[in-house]
Amino acid sequence: MKKIIFLVGVLILVLITASYAKPKPCRDLKIVSVKKHILYFKVDKSFVGGSVEIYDETKSCLEADTLAHTHTMVYFDEMPAGHYTVKVKKGEKSTEFNYDNI
């Protein structure tokens, strides 16, 4: 009987603690890998169907394509060395990050 009361007490304590836990922040974009001029990143599902755009240092758009999946690869092997900005957009929502091609 004592074991049952103890287990019920532990269960109640776990449920109370879990209810006060902070939710994880939603990350819209995560860079998975950068290898040999290939940038591999993952976006949130809400960006699927949006667009990915690559800008150079002068803020001119070099490439633009639609996002068909959450995981995407961008190949920088044929682009000159420099600083690039990758923007992912869908509707009012957008996120961006920088990439230095060496």
C-alpha atoms as a PDB file:
ATOM      1  CA  MET A   1       0.000   0.000   0.000  1.00  0.00           C
ATOM      2  CA  LYS A   2       2.877   2.352   0.795  1.00  0.00           C
ATOM      3  CA  LYS A   3       4.361   1.724  -2.653  1.00  0.00           C
ATOM      4  CA  ILE A   4       1.132   2.713  -4.368  1.00  0.00           C
ATOM      5  CA  ILE A   5       0.849   5.941  -2.364  1.00  0.00           C
ATOM      6  CA  PHE A   6       4.506   6.712  -3.117  1.00  0.00           C
ATOM      7  CA  LEU A   7       4.027   6.090  -6.869  1.00  0.00           C
ATOM      8  CA  VAL A   8       0.897   8.269  -6.959  1.00  0.00           C
ATOM      9  CA  GLY A   9       2.813  11.045  -5.174  1.00  0.00           C
ATOM     10  CA  VAL A  10       5.715  10.802  -7.640  1.00  0.00           C
ATOM     11  CA  LEU A  11       3.279  10.851 -10.574  1.00  0.00           C
ATOM     12  CA  ILE A  12       1.579  13.991  -9.240  1.00  0.00           C
ATOM     13  CA  LEU A  13       4.971  15.644  -8.699  1.00  0.00           C
ATOM     14  CA  VAL A  14       6.052  14.822 -12.265  1.00  0.00           C
ATOM     15  CA  LEU A  15       2.824  16.203 -13.728  1.00  0.00           C
ATOM     16  CA  ILE A  16       3.093  19.425 -11.720  1.00  0.00           C
ATOM     17  CA  THR A  17       6.730  19.900 -12.732  1.00  0.00           C
ATOM     18  CA  ALA A  18       5.961  19.252 -16.411  1.00  0.00           C
ATOM     19  CA  SER A  19       3.144  21.806 -16.395  1.00  0.00           C
ATOM     20  CA  TYR A  20       5.543  24.557 -15.231  1.00  0.00           C
ATOM     21  CA  ALA A  21       8.238  23.745 -17.799  1.00  0.00           C
ATOM     22  CA  LYS A  22       8.937  26.449 -20.375  1.00  0.00           C
ATOM     23  CA  PRO A  23       8.108  25.526 -23.962  1.00  0.00           C
ATOM     24  CA  LYS A  24      11.028  25.200 -26.346  1.00  0.00           C
ATOM     25  CA  PRO A  25      11.471  28.199 -28.632  1.00  0.00           C
ATOM     26  CA  CYS A  26      10.497  27.512 -32.220  1.00  0.00           C
ATOM     27  CA  ARG A  27      13.506  27.744 -34.485  1.00  0.00           C
ATOM     28  CA  ASP A  28      12.581  28.537 -38.030  1.00  0.00           C
ATOM     29  CA  LEU A  29      15.932  27.552 -39.521  1.00  0.00           C
ATOM     30  CA  LYS A  30      18.762  25.213 -38.584  1.00  0.00           C
ATOM     31  CA  ILE A  31      22.036  24.784 -40.478  1.00  0.00           C
ATOM     32  CA  VAL A  32      22.665  21.051 -40.555  1.00  0.00           C
ATOM     33  CA  SER A  33      25.994  20.848 -42.387  1.00  0.00           C
ATOM     34  CA  VAL A  34      28.548  22.813 -44.396  1.00  0.00           C
ATOM     35  CA  LYS A  35      30.943  20.656 -46.418  1.00  0.00           C
ATOM     36  CA  LYS A  36      32.958  21.403 -49.547  1.00  0.00           C
ATOM     37  CA  HIS A  37      30.935  24.444 -50.650  1.00  0.00           C
ATOM     38  CA  ILE A  38      27.606  22.696 -50.001  1.00  0.00           C
ATOM     39  CA  LEU A  39      25.271  24.254 -47.444  1.00  0.00           C
ATOM     40  CA  TYR A  40      22.625  21.910 -46.038  1.00  0.00           C
ATOM     41  CA  PHE A  41      19.875  23.431 -43.900  1.00  0.00           C
ATOM     42  CA  LYS A  42      16.450  22.626 -42.513  1.00  0.00           C
ATOM     43  CA  VAL A  43      13.487  24.988 -42.188  1.00  0.00           C
ATOM     44  CA  ASP A  44      10.235  24.773 -40.274  1.00  0.00           C
ATOM     45  CA  LYS A  45       7.312  23.066 -42.036  1.00  0.00           C
ATOM     46  CA  SER A  46       5.543  26.407 -42.320  1.00  0.00           C
ATOM     47  CA  PHE A  47       8.119  27.506 -44.957  1.00  0.00           C
ATOM     48  CA  VAL A  48       7.418  24.605 -47.356  1.00  0.00           C
ATOM     49  CA  GLY A  49       6.082  26.088 -50.594  1.00  0.00           C
ATOM     50  CA  GLY A  50       7.904  29.366 -49.990  1.00  0.00           C
ATOM     51  CA  SER A  51      11.067  30.547 -51.652  1.00  0.00           C
ATOM     52  CA  VAL A  52      14.792  30.522 -50.940  1.00  0.00           C
ATOM     53  CA  GLU A  53      16.847  33.398 -52.357  1.00  0.00           C
ATOM     54  CA  ILE A  54      20.624  33.883 -52.468  1.00  0.00           C
ATOM     55  CA  TYR A  55      22.037  37.417 -52.400  1.00  0.00           C
ATOM     56  CA  ASP A  56      25.652  38.503 -52.851  1.00  0.00           C
ATOM     57  CA  GLU A  57      27.525  41.316 -51.059  1.00  0.00           C
ATOM     58  CA  THR A  58      25.918  43.982 -53.239  1.00  0.00           C
ATOM     59  CA  LYS A  59      22.419  42.764 -52.265  1.00  0.00           C
ATOM     60  CA  SER A  60      21.612  41.584 -55.777  1.00  0.00           C
ATOM     61  CA  CYS A  61      19.649  38.346 -56.067  1.00  0.00           C
ATOM     62  CA  LEU A  62      21.720  35.597 -57.696  1.00  0.00           C
ATOM     63  CA  GLU A  63      19.282  32.696 -57.468  1.00  0.00           C
ATOM     64  CA  ALA A  64      15.747  32.049 -56.291  1.00  0.00           C
ATOM     65  CA  ASP A  65      13.868  28.778 -56.044  1.00  0.00           C
ATOM     66  CA  THR A  66      10.835  27.326 -54.291  1.00  0.00           C
ATOM     67  CA  LEU A  67      11.114  25.137 -51.213  1.00  0.00           C
ATOM     68  CA  ALA A  68       9.567  21.755 -51.876  1.00  0.00           C
ATOM     69  CA  HIS A  69      10.835  20.120 -48.664  1.00  0.00           C
ATOM     70  CA  THR A  70      12.016  21.124 -45.213  1.00  0.00           C
ATOM     71  CA  HIS A  71      15.612  20.014 -45.962  1.00  0.00           C
ATOM     72  CA  THR A  72      17.461  21.960 -48.652  1.00  0.00           C
ATOM     73  CA  MET A  73      20.954  22.037 -50.142  1.00  0.00           C
ATOM     74  CA  VAL A  74      22.589  25.090 -51.707  1.00  0.00           C
ATOM     75  CA  TYR A  75      25.698  24.544 -53.829  1.00  0.00           C
ATOM     76  CA  PHE A  76      28.289  27.323 -53.733  1.00  0.00           C
ATOM     77  CA  ASP A  77      30.978  25.428 -55.669  1.00  0.00           C
ATOM     78  CA  GLU A  78      30.520  27.440 -58.886  1.00  0.00           C
ATOM     79  CA  MET A  79      30.143  30.809 -57.155  1.00  0.00           C
ATOM     80  CA  PRO A  80      33.115  33.082 -56.467  1.00  0.00           C
ATOM     81  CA  ALA A  81      34.450  33.496 -52.958  1.00  0.00           C
ATOM     82  CA  GLY A  82      32.573  36.075 -50.938  1.00  0.00           C
ATOM     83  CA  HIS A  83      29.873  36.855 -48.424  1.00  0.00           C
ATOM     84  CA  TYR A  84      26.350  35.624 -49.253  1.00  0.00           C
ATOM     85  CA  THR A  85      22.961  36.034 -47.609  1.00  0.00           C
ATOM     86  CA  VAL A  86      20.392  33.241 -47.859  1.00  0.00           C
ATOM     87  CA  LYS A  87      16.783  34.349 -47.300  1.00  0.00           C
ATOM     88  CA  VAL A  88      13.856  31.988 -46.840  1.00  0.00           C
ATOM     89  CA  LYS A  89      10.393  33.519 -47.260  1.00  0.00           C
ATOM     90  CA  LYS A  90       6.781  32.478 -47.295  1.00  0.00           C
ATOM     91  CA  GLY A  91       4.057  35.093 -47.085  1.00  0.00           C
ATOM     92  CA  GLU A  92       4.766  37.523 -44.241  1.00  0.00           C
ATOM     93  CA  LYS A  93       7.203  35.124 -42.562  1.00  0.00           C
ATOM     94  CA  SER A  94      10.911  35.268 -43.420  1.00  0.00           C
ATOM     95  CA  THR A  95      14.280  34.312 -42.001  1.00  0.00           C
ATOM     96  CA  GLU A  96      17.822  34.765 -43.224  1.00  0.00           C
ATOM     97  CA  PHE A  97      21.402  33.824 -42.455  1.00  0.00           C
ATOM     98  CA  ASN A  98      24.848  34.619 -43.804  1.00  0.00           C
ATOM     99  CA  TYR A  99      27.339  32.287 -45.467  1.00  0.00           C
ATOM    100  CA  ASP A 100      30.971  32.990 -46.313  1.00  0.00           C
ATOM    101  CA  ASN A 101      32.172  31.094 -49.355  1.00  0.00           C
ATOM    102  CA  ILE A 102      35.935  30.633 -49.149  1.00  0.00           C
END
